[in-house]
PDB file of N, CA and C in Angstrom:
ATOM      1  N   MET A   1       4.185   1.037 -13.021  1.00  0.00           N
ATOM      2  CA  MET A   1       4.228   0.911 -11.572  1.00  0.00           C
ATOM      3  C   MET A   1       4.564   2.254 -10.929  1.00  0.00           C
ATOM      4  N   ARG A   2       5.512   2.956 -11.514  1.00  0.00           N
ATOM      5  CA  ARG A   2       5.945   4.234 -10.966  1.00  0.00           C
ATOM      6  C   ARG A   2       4.794   5.240 -10.936  1.00  0.00           C
ATOM      7  N   ARG A   3       3.952   5.185 -11.968  1.00  0.00           N
ATOM      8  CA  ARG A   3       2.809   6.097 -12.030  1.00  0.00           C
ATOM      9  C   ARG A   3       1.838   5.842 -10.874  1.00  0.00           C
ATOM     10  N   LEU A   4       1.607   4.585 -10.569  1.00  0.00           N
ATOM     11  CA  LEU A   4       0.740   4.224  -9.450  1.00  0.00           C
ATOM     12  C   LEU A   4       1.288   4.777  -8.140  1.00  0.00           C
ATOM     13  N   VAL A   5       2.579   4.661  -7.943  1.00  0.00           N
ATOM     14  CA  VAL A   5       3.209   5.184  -6.730  1.00  0.00           C
ATOM     15  C   VAL A   5       3.061   6.708  -6.673  1.00  0.00           C
ATOM     16  N   LEU A   6       3.311   7.380  -7.793  1.00  0.00           N
ATOM     17  CA  LEU A   6       3.188   8.847  -7.821  1.00  0.00           C
ATOM     18  C   LEU A   6       1.758   9.297  -7.545  1.00  0.00           C
ATOM     19  N   GLU A   7       0.792   8.589  -8.123  1.00  0.00           N
ATOM     20  CA  GLU A   7      -0.607   8.939  -7.881  1.00  0.00           C
ATOM     21  C   GLU A   7      -0.988   8.728  -6.419  1.00  0.00           C
ATOM     22  N   SER A   8      -0.498   7.665  -5.809  1.00  0.00           N
ATOM     23  CA  SER A   8      -0.801   7.439  -4.393  1.00  0.00           C
ATOM     24  C   SER A   8      -0.125   8.497  -3.522  1.00  0.00           C
ATOM     25  N   GLN A   9       1.055   8.945  -3.922  1.00  0.00           N
ATOM     26  CA  GLN A   9       1.770   9.982  -3.175  1.00  0.00           C
ATOM     27  C   GLN A   9       1.016  11.308  -3.232  1.00  0.00           C
ATOM     28  N   GLN A  10       0.324  11.572  -4.334  1.00  0.00           N
ATOM     29  CA  GLN A  10      -0.426  12.812  -4.467  1.00  0.00           C
ATOM     30  C   GLN A  10      -1.659  12.843  -3.569  1.00  0.00           C
ATOM     31  N   ARG A  11      -2.180  11.680  -3.205  1.00  0.00           N
ATOM     32  CA  ARG A  11      -3.350  11.593  -2.328  1.00  0.00           C
ATOM     33  C   ARG A  11      -3.048  10.622  -1.193  1.00  0.00           C
ATOM     34  N   PRO A  12      -2.098  10.960  -0.329  1.00  0.00           N
ATOM     35  CA  PRO A  12      -1.614  10.001   0.667  1.00  0.00           C
ATOM     36  C   PRO A  12      -2.644   9.583   1.716  1.00  0.00           C
ATOM     37  N   THR A  13      -3.651  10.384   1.957  1.00  0.00           N
ATOM     38  CA  THR A  13      -4.627  10.026   2.989  1.00  0.00           C
ATOM     39  C   THR A  13      -5.942   9.511   2.409  1.00  0.00           C
ATOM     40  N   ALA A  14      -6.011   9.303   1.107  1.00  0.00           N
ATOM     41  CA  ALA A  14      -7.243   8.820   0.484  1.00  0.00           C
ATOM     42  C   ALA A  14      -7.511   7.351   0.814  1.00  0.00           C
ATOM     43  N   CYS A  15      -6.464   6.578   1.031  1.00  0.00           N
ATOM     44  CA  CYS A  15      -6.593   5.151   1.350  1.00  0.00           C
ATOM     45  C   CYS A  15      -5.729   4.816   2.553  1.00  0.00           C
ATOM     46  N   PHE A  16      -6.199   3.862   3.320  1.00  0.00           N
ATOM     47  CA  PHE A  16      -5.383   3.362   4.424  1.00  0.00           C
ATOM     48  C   PHE A  16      -4.197   2.602   3.840  1.00  0.00           C
ATOM     49  N   TRP A  17      -4.475   1.665   2.928  1.00  0.00           N
ATOM     50  CA  TRP A  17      -3.445   0.894   2.245  1.00  0.00           C
ATOM     51  C   TRP A  17      -3.655   1.000   0.746  1.00  0.00           C
ATOM     52  N   TYR A  18      -2.602   1.239   0.029  1.00  0.00           N
ATOM     53  CA  TYR A  18      -2.595   1.129  -1.429  1.00  0.00           C
ATOM     54  C   TYR A  18      -2.010  -0.243  -1.740  1.00  0.00           C
ATOM     55  N   THR A  19      -2.489  -0.883  -2.798  1.00  0.00           N
ATOM     56  CA  THR A  19      -1.990  -2.214  -3.133  1.00  0.00           C
ATOM     57  C   THR A  19      -1.797  -2.367  -4.630  1.00  0.00           C
ATOM     58  N   THR A  20      -0.916  -3.282  -4.982  1.00  0.00           N
ATOM     59  CA  THR A  20      -0.737  -3.682  -6.377  1.00  0.00           C
ATOM     60  C   THR A  20      -0.265  -5.132  -6.412  1.00  0.00           C
ATOM     61  N   LEU A  21      -0.631  -5.815  -7.463  1.00  0.00           N
ATOM     62  CA  LEU A  21      -0.219  -7.195  -7.659  1.00  0.00           C
ATOM     63  C   LEU A  21       0.982  -7.210  -8.594  1.00  0.00           C
ATOM     64  N   VAL A  22       2.037  -7.885  -8.201  1.00  0.00           N
ATOM     65  CA  VAL A  22       3.275  -7.942  -8.987  1.00  0.00           C
ATOM     66  C   VAL A  22       3.546  -9.398  -9.339  1.00  0.00           C
ATOM     67  N   SER A  23       3.634  -9.688 -10.637  1.00  0.00           N
ATOM     68  CA  SER A  23       3.888 -11.077 -11.042  1.00  0.00           C
ATOM     69  C   SER A  23       5.381 -11.370 -11.200  1.00  0.00           C
ATOM     70  N   LYS A  24       6.155 -10.389 -11.635  1.00  0.00           N
ATOM     71  CA  LYS A  24       7.591 -10.611 -11.833  1.00  0.00           C
ATOM     72  C   LYS A  24       8.376 -10.106 -10.627  1.00  0.00           C
ATOM     73  N   LYS A  25       9.086 -11.012  -9.978  1.00  0.00           N
ATOM     74  CA  LYS A  25       9.850 -10.612  -8.790  1.00  0.00           C
ATOM     75  C   LYS A  25      10.940  -9.607  -9.126  1.00  0.00           C
ATOM     76  N   GLU A  26      11.374  -9.557 -10.383  1.00  0.00           N
ATOM     77  CA  GLU A  26      12.392  -8.592 -10.802  1.00  0.00           C
ATOM     78  C   GLU A  26      11.881  -7.151 -10.693  1.00  0.00           C
ATOM     79  N   THR A  27      10.579  -6.977 -10.651  1.00  0.00           N
ATOM     80  CA  THR A  27       9.965  -5.653 -10.544  1.00  0.00           C
ATOM     81  C   THR A  27      10.042  -5.104  -9.115  1.00  0.00           C
ATOM     82  N   LEU A  28      10.166  -5.982  -8.139  1.00  0.00           N
ATOM     83  CA  LEU A  28      10.105  -5.570  -6.734  1.00  0.00           C
ATOM     84  C   LEU A  28      11.151  -4.531  -6.333  1.00  0.00           C
ATOM     85  N   PRO A  29      12.441  -4.691  -6.676  1.00  0.00           N
ATOM     86  CA  PRO A  29      13.423  -3.693  -6.223  1.00  0.00           C
ATOM     87  C   PRO A  29      13.098  -2.275  -6.693  1.00  0.00           C
ATOM     88  N   SER A  30      12.713  -2.115  -7.945  1.00  0.00           N
ATOM     89  CA  SER A  30      12.403  -0.758  -8.423  1.00  0.00           C
ATOM     90  C   SER A  30      11.132  -0.226  -7.776  1.00  0.00           C
ATOM     91  N   LEU A  31      10.160  -1.094  -7.532  1.00  0.00           N
ATOM     92  CA  LEU A  31       8.932  -0.664  -6.850  1.00  0.00           C
ATOM     93  C   LEU A  31       9.238  -0.234  -5.421  1.00  0.00           C
ATOM     94  N   HIS A  32      10.042  -1.006  -4.724  1.00  0.00           N
ATOM     95  CA  HIS A  32      10.413  -0.654  -3.346  1.00  0.00           C
ATOM     96  C   HIS A  32      11.222   0.650  -3.308  1.00  0.00           C
ATOM     97  N   ARG A  33      12.090   0.856  -4.280  1.00  0.00           N
ATOM     98  CA  ARG A  33      12.841   2.125  -4.357  1.00  0.00           C
ATOM     99  C   ARG A  33      11.896   3.300  -4.564  1.00  0.00           C
ATOM    100  N   ALA A  34      10.944   3.140  -5.486  1.00  0.00           N
ATOM    101  CA  ALA A  34       9.981   4.206  -5.762  1.00  0.00           C
ATOM    102  C   ALA A  34       9.145   4.519  -4.525  1.00  0.00           C
ATOM    103  N   LEU A  35       8.752   3.497  -3.781  1.00  0.00           N
ATOM    104  CA  LEU A  35       7.964   3.715  -2.561  1.00  0.00           C
ATOM    105  C   LEU A  35       8.805   4.401  -1.485  1.00  0.00           C
ATOM    106  N   HIS A  36      10.070   4.050  -1.408  1.00  0.00           N
ATOM    107  CA  HIS A  36      10.973   4.717  -0.456  1.00  0.00           C
ATOM    108  C   HIS A  36      11.124   6.193  -0.828  1.00  0.00           C
ATOM    109  N   GLN A  37      11.317   6.472  -2.112  1.00  0.00           N
ATOM    110  CA  GLN A  37      11.452   7.859  -2.572  1.00  0.00           C
ATOM    111  C   GLN A  37      10.158   8.646  -2.363  1.00  0.00           C
ATOM    112  N   ALA A  38       9.017   7.957  -2.457  1.00  0.00           N
ATOM    113  CA  ALA A  38       7.724   8.613  -2.255  1.00  0.00           C
ATOM    114  C   ALA A  38       7.420   8.814  -0.769  1.00  0.00           C
ATOM    115  N   ARG A  39       8.279   8.267   0.083  1.00  0.00           N
ATOM    116  CA  ARG A  39       8.156   8.383   1.532  1.00  0.00           C
ATOM    117  C   ARG A  39       6.978   7.602   2.114  1.00  0.00           C
ATOM    118  N   ALA A  40       6.728   6.432   1.547  1.00  0.00           N
ATOM    119  CA  ALA A  40       5.738   5.533   2.144  1.00  0.00           C
ATOM    120  C   ALA A  40       6.248   5.146   3.527  1.00  0.00           C
ATOM    121  N   LEU A  41       5.388   5.196   4.519  1.00  0.00           N
ATOM    122  CA  LEU A  41       5.818   4.927   5.887  1.00  0.00           C
ATOM    123  C   LEU A  41       5.932   3.438   6.199  1.00  0.00           C
ATOM    124  N   GLU A  42       5.147   2.640   5.518  1.00  0.00           N
ATOM    125  CA  GLU A  42       5.218   1.195   5.723  1.00  0.00           C
ATOM    126  C   GLU A  42       4.933   0.499   4.396  1.00  0.00           C
ATOM    127  N   VAL A  43       5.707  -0.523   4.102  1.00  0.00           N
ATOM    128  CA  VAL A  43       5.541  -1.303   2.878  1.00  0.00           C
ATOM    129  C   VAL A  43       5.561  -2.776   3.270  1.00  0.00           C
ATOM    130  N   GLN A  44       4.570  -3.522   2.796  1.00  0.00           N
ATOM    131  CA  GLN A  44       4.484  -4.955   3.053  1.00  0.00           C
ATOM    132  C   GLN A  44       4.447  -5.692   1.716  1.00  0.00           C
ATOM    133  N   THR A  45       5.186  -6.776   1.605  1.00  0.00           N
ATOM    134  CA  THR A  45       5.140  -7.623   0.419  1.00  0.00           C
ATOM    135  C   THR A  45       4.697  -9.009   0.856  1.00  0.00           C
ATOM    136  N   ILE A  46       3.621  -9.484   0.241  1.00  0.00           N
ATOM    137  CA  ILE A  46       3.048 -10.778   0.599  1.00  0.00           C
ATOM    138  C   ILE A  46       3.194 -11.701  -0.603  1.00  0.00           C
ATOM    139  N   ASP A  47       3.931 -12.799  -0.421  1.00  0.00           N
ATOM    140  CA  ASP A  47       4.101 -13.792  -1.483  1.00  0.00           C
ATOM    141  C   ASP A  47       2.855 -14.657  -1.561  1.00  0.00           C
ATOM    142  N   MET A  48       2.423 -14.936  -2.788  1.00  0.00           N
ATOM    143  CA  MET A  48       1.251 -15.773  -3.004  1.00  0.00           C
ATOM    144  C   MET A  48       1.577 -16.773  -4.100  1.00  0.00           C
ATOM    145  N   ALA A  49       0.918 -17.919  -4.058  1.00  0.00           N
ATOM    146  CA  ALA A  49       1.111 -18.929  -5.100  1.00  0.00           C
ATOM    147  C   ALA A  49      -0.176 -19.722  -5.269  1.00  0.00           C
ATOM    148  N   GLN A  50      -0.446 -20.042  -6.513  1.00  0.00           N
ATOM    149  CA  GLN A  50      -1.561 -20.927  -6.839  1.00  0.00           C
ATOM    150  C   GLN A  50      -1.068 -21.838  -7.954  1.00  0.00           C
ATOM    151  N   GLY A  51      -0.836 -23.087  -7.606  1.00  0.00           N
ATOM    152  CA  GLY A  51      -0.238 -24.012  -8.569  1.00  0.00           C
ATOM    153  C   GLY A  51       1.173 -23.559  -8.907  1.00  0.00           C
ATOM    154  N   GLN A  52       1.475 -23.449 -10.186  1.00  0.00           N
ATOM    155  CA  GLN A  52       2.793 -23.009 -10.644  1.00  0.00           C
ATOM    156  C   GLN A  52       2.934 -21.489 -10.632  1.00  0.00           C
ATOM    157  N   LYS A  53       1.817 -20.786 -10.577  1.00  0.00           N
ATOM    158  CA  LYS A  53       1.811 -19.321 -10.666  1.00  0.00           C
ATOM    159  C   LYS A  53       2.198 -18.699  -9.327  1.00  0.00           C
ATOM    160  N   LYS A  54       3.209 -17.856  -9.359  1.00  0.00           N
ATOM    161  CA  LYS A  54       3.644 -17.137  -8.164  1.00  0.00           C
ATOM    162  C   LYS A  54       3.503 -15.647  -8.426  1.00  0.00           C
ATOM    163  N   SER A  55       3.017 -14.940  -7.435  1.00  0.00           N
ATOM    164  CA  SER A  55       2.903 -13.487  -7.540  1.00  0.00           C
ATOM    165  C   SER A  55       3.071 -12.895  -6.154  1.00  0.00           C
ATOM    166  N   ARG A  56       3.097 -11.591  -6.106  1.00  0.00           N
ATOM    167  CA  ARG A  56       3.290 -10.880  -4.848  1.00  0.00           C
ATOM    168  C   ARG A  56       2.281  -9.751  -4.772  1.00  0.00           C
ATOM    169  N   LEU A  57       1.761  -9.540  -3.584  1.00  0.00           N
ATOM    170  CA  LEU A  57       0.908  -8.397  -3.304  1.00  0.00           C
ATOM    171  C   LEU A  57       1.770  -7.395  -2.549  1.00  0.00           C
ATOM    172  N   VAL A  58       1.886  -6.194  -3.068  1.00  0.00           N
ATOM    173  CA  VAL A  58       2.657  -5.150  -2.398  1.00  0.00           C
ATOM    174  C   VAL A  58       1.655  -4.118  -1.890  1.00  0.00           C
ATOM    175  N   ALA A  59       1.735  -3.818  -0.602  1.00  0.00           N
ATOM    176  CA  ALA A  59       0.835  -2.851   0.028  1.00  0.00           C
ATOM    177  C   ALA A  59       1.678  -1.784   0.710  1.00  0.00           C
ATOM    178  N   TRP A  60       1.204  -0.527   0.647  1.00  0.00           N
ATOM    179  CA  TRP A  60       1.945   0.554   1.298  1.00  0.00           C
ATOM    180  C   TRP A  60       0.977   1.591   1.841  1.00  0.00           C
ATOM    181  N   THR A  61       1.447   2.315   2.846  1.00  0.00           N
ATOM    182  CA  THR A  61       0.650   3.371   3.457  1.00  0.00           C
ATOM    183  C   THR A  61       1.525   4.585   3.737  1.00  0.00           C
ATOM    184  N   PHE A  62       0.881   5.736   3.704  1.00  0.00           N
ATOM    185  CA  PHE A  62       1.546   6.987   4.039  1.00  0.00           C
ATOM    186  C   PHE A  62       1.077   7.495   5.408  1.00  0.00           C
ATOM    187  N   LEU A  63       0.175   6.746   6.046  1.00  0.00           N
ATOM    188  CA  LEU A  63      -0.423   7.192   7.305  1.00  0.00           C
ATOM    189  C   LEU A  63       0.454   6.842   8.503  1.00  0.00           C
ATOM    190  N   THR A  64       0.603   7.797   9.403  1.00  0.00           N
ATOM    191  CA  THR A  64       1.279   7.540  10.669  1.00  0.00           C
ATOM    192  C   THR A  64       0.345   6.699  11.541  1.00  0.00           C
ATOM    193  N   PRO A  65       0.849   6.089  12.622  1.00  0.00           N
ATOM    194  CA  PRO A  65      -0.045   5.334  13.507  1.00  0.00           C
ATOM    195  C   PRO A  65      -1.218   6.179  14.027  1.00  0.00           C
ATOM    196  N   ALA A  66      -0.979   7.435  14.364  1.00  0.00           N
ATOM    197  CA  ALA A  66      -2.065   8.299  14.842  1.00  0.00           C
ATOM    198  C   ALA A  66      -3.095   8.537  13.738  1.00  0.00           C
ATOM    199  N   GLN A  67      -2.636   8.746  12.520  1.00  0.00           N
ATOM    200  CA  GLN A  67      -3.548   8.933  11.391  1.00  0.00           C
ATOM    201  C   GLN A  67      -4.318   7.648  11.092  1.00  0.00           C
ATOM    202  N   GLN A  68      -3.674   6.513  11.262  1.00  0.00           N
ATOM    203  CA  GLN A  68      -4.350   5.244  11.041  1.00  0.00           C
ATOM    204  C   GLN A  68      -5.503   5.069  12.038  1.00  0.00           C
ATOM    205  N   THR A  69      -5.249   5.398  13.290  1.00  0.00           N
ATOM    206  CA  THR A  69      -6.289   5.298  14.314  1.00  0.00           C
ATOM    207  C   THR A  69      -7.443   6.239  13.996  1.00  0.00           C
ATOM    208  N   ALA A  70      -7.139   7.478  13.641  1.00  0.00           N
ATOM    209  CA  ALA A  70      -8.180   8.449  13.297  1.00  0.00           C
ATOM    210  C   ALA A  70      -8.965   7.999  12.074  1.00  0.00           C
ATOM    211  N   TRP A  71      -8.287   7.459  11.090  1.00  0.00           N
ATOM    212  CA  TRP A  71      -8.926   6.977   9.861  1.00  0.00           C
ATOM    213  C   TRP A  71      -9.926   5.870  10.194  1.00  0.00           C
ATOM    214  N   GLN A  72      -9.511   4.936  11.038  1.00  0.00           N
ATOM    215  CA  GLN A  72     -10.384   3.828  11.435  1.00  0.00           C
ATOM    216  C   GLN A  72     -11.578   4.330  12.243  1.00  0.00           C
ATOM    217  N   GLN A  73     -11.337   5.216  13.174  1.00  0.00           N
ATOM    218  CA  GLN A  73     -12.419   5.716  14.021  1.00  0.00           C
ATOM    219  C   GLN A  73     -13.436   6.503  13.200  1.00  0.00           C
ATOM    220  N   ALA A  74     -12.986   7.247  12.225  1.00  0.00           N
ATOM    221  CA  ALA A  74     -13.895   8.039  11.403  1.00  0.00           C
ATOM    222  C   ALA A  74     -14.780   7.146  10.539  1.00  0.00           C
ATOM    223  N   ARG A  75     -14.292   5.993  10.168  1.00  0.00           N
ATOM    224  CA  ARG A  75     -15.045   5.113   9.260  1.00  0.00           C
ATOM    225  C   ARG A  75     -15.802   4.004   9.976  1.00  0.00           C
ATOM    226  N   TRP A  76     -15.455   3.740  11.221  1.00  0.00           N
ATOM    227  CA  TRP A  76     -16.110   2.657  11.951  1.00  0.00           C
ATOM    228  C   TRP A  76     -16.911   3.163  13.136  1.00  0.00           C
ATOM    229  N   ALA A  77     -17.280   4.442  13.099  1.00  0.00           N
ATOM    230  CA  ALA A  77     -18.105   5.009  14.172  1.00  0.00           C
ATOM    231  C   ALA A  77     -19.479   4.339  14.149  1.00  0.00           C
ATOM    232  N   PRO A  78     -20.050   4.060  15.309  1.00  0.00           N
ATOM    233  CA  PRO A  78     -21.378   3.439  15.357  1.00  0.00           C
ATOM    234  C   PRO A  78     -22.433   4.330  14.675  1.00  0.00           C
ATOM    235  N   VAL A  79     -23.334   3.698  13.968  1.00  0.00           N
ATOM    236  CA  VAL A  79     -24.408   4.412  13.282  1.00  0.00           C
ATOM    237  C   VAL A  79     -25.486   4.787  14.295  1.00  0.00           C
ATOM    238  N   GLY A  80     -25.954   6.019  14.259  1.00  0.00           N
ATOM    239  CA  GLY A  80     -27.034   6.447  15.130  1.00  0.00           C
ATOM    240  C   GLY A  80     -26.610   6.798  16.536  1.00  0.00           C
ATOM    241  N   GLY A  81     -25.317   6.979  16.757  1.00  0.00           N
ATOM    242  CA  GLY A  81     -24.889   7.486  18.053  1.00  0.00           C
ATOM    243  C   GLY A  81     -24.246   6.504  18.883  1.00  0.00           C
TER     244      GLY A  81
END
Protein backbone atom coordinates (compact mmCIF):
# COMPACT_ATOMS: atom_id res chain seq x y z
CA MET A 1 0.00 0.00 0.00
CA ARG A 2 2.80 2.39 0.91
CA ARG A 3 4.39 1.89 -2.51
CA LEU A 4 1.15 2.90 -4.23
CA VAL A 5 1.01 6.08 -2.17
CA LEU A 6 4.66 6.91 -2.95
CA GLU A 7 4.13 6.32 -6.66
CA SER A 8 1.07 8.58 -6.69
CA GLN A 9 3.04 11.25 -4.80
CA GLN A 10 5.72 11.17 -7.51
CA ARG A 11 3.12 11.98 -10.19
CA PRO A 12 0.55 14.06 -8.29
CA THR A 13 -1.10 15.61 -11.34
CA ALA A 14 -1.30 12.47 -13.50
CA CYS A 15 -4.73 11.55 -12.10
CA PHE A 16 -7.60 13.52 -10.67
CA TRP A 17 -8.26 10.74 -8.13
CA TYR A 18 -6.07 7.82 -7.18
CA THR A 19 -7.94 4.82 -5.77
CA THR A 20 -7.34 1.51 -4.07
CA LEU A 21 -9.59 -1.22 -2.73
CA VAL A 22 -8.96 -2.19 0.91
CA SER A 23 -10.48 -5.38 2.29
CA LYS A 24 -9.07 -5.28 5.84
CA LYS A 25 -10.22 -2.31 7.89
CA GLU A 26 -7.07 -2.68 10.02
CA THR A 27 -5.12 -1.41 6.99
CA LEU A 28 -6.94 1.94 6.93
CA PRO A 29 -5.06 3.79 9.72
CA SER A 30 -1.63 3.15 8.18
CA LEU A 31 -2.93 4.03 4.70
CA HIS A 32 -4.44 7.28 5.98
CA ARG A 33 -1.16 8.12 7.78
CA ALA A 34 0.83 7.48 4.60
CA LEU A 35 -1.54 9.69 2.59
CA HIS A 36 -1.25 12.45 5.20
CA GLN A 37 2.56 12.21 5.07
CA ALA A 38 2.42 12.29 1.26
CA ARG A 39 0.39 15.51 1.55
CA ALA A 40 -2.74 14.29 -0.21
CA LEU A 41 -5.13 17.24 -0.17
CA GLU A 42 -8.31 15.20 0.07
CA VAL A 43 -8.94 11.59 1.08
CA GLN A 44 -12.30 9.82 0.85
CA THR A 45 -13.12 6.36 2.20
CA ILE A 46 -16.24 4.67 0.85
CA ASP A 47 -17.56 1.58 2.64
CA MET A 48 -18.95 -1.12 0.38
CA ALA A 49 -20.59 -4.47 1.04
CA GLN A 50 -21.86 -7.34 -1.04
CA GLY A 51 -23.38 -10.12 1.02
CA GLN A 52 -20.98 -10.97 3.85
CA LYS A 53 -18.00 -9.36 2.08
CA LYS A 54 -17.11 -5.86 3.26
CA SER A 55 -14.45 -3.68 1.70
CA ARG A 56 -13.54 -0.04 1.37
CA LEU A 57 -12.61 2.13 -1.57
CA VAL A 58 -10.02 4.75 -0.63
CA ALA A 59 -9.60 7.67 -3.03
CA TRP A 60 -7.17 10.58 -2.76
CA THR A 61 -6.09 13.61 -4.75
CA PHE A 62 -3.17 15.99 -4.70
CA LEU A 63 -4.97 18.61 -6.82
CA THR A 64 -6.09 21.93 -5.40
CA PRO A 65 -9.61 23.12 -6.34
CA ALA A 66 -8.11 25.39 -9.03
CA GLN A 67 -6.08 22.50 -10.45
CA GLN A 68 -9.16 20.29 -10.40
CA THR A 69 -11.09 22.85 -12.45
CA ALA A 70 -8.23 23.20 -14.94
CA TRP A 71 -7.87 19.41 -15.18
CA GLN A 72 -11.57 19.03 -15.98
CA GLN A 73 -11.62 21.86 -18.50
CA ALA A 74 -8.58 20.50 -20.33
CA ARG A 75 -10.17 17.07 -20.70
CA TRP A 76 -13.78 18.04 -21.32
CA ALA A 77 -13.24 20.79 -23.89
CA PRO A 78 -15.72 20.55 -26.79
CA VAL A 79 -14.36 18.77 -29.86
CA GLY A 80 -14.01 20.95 -32.95
CA GLY A 81 -14.24 24.30 -31.23
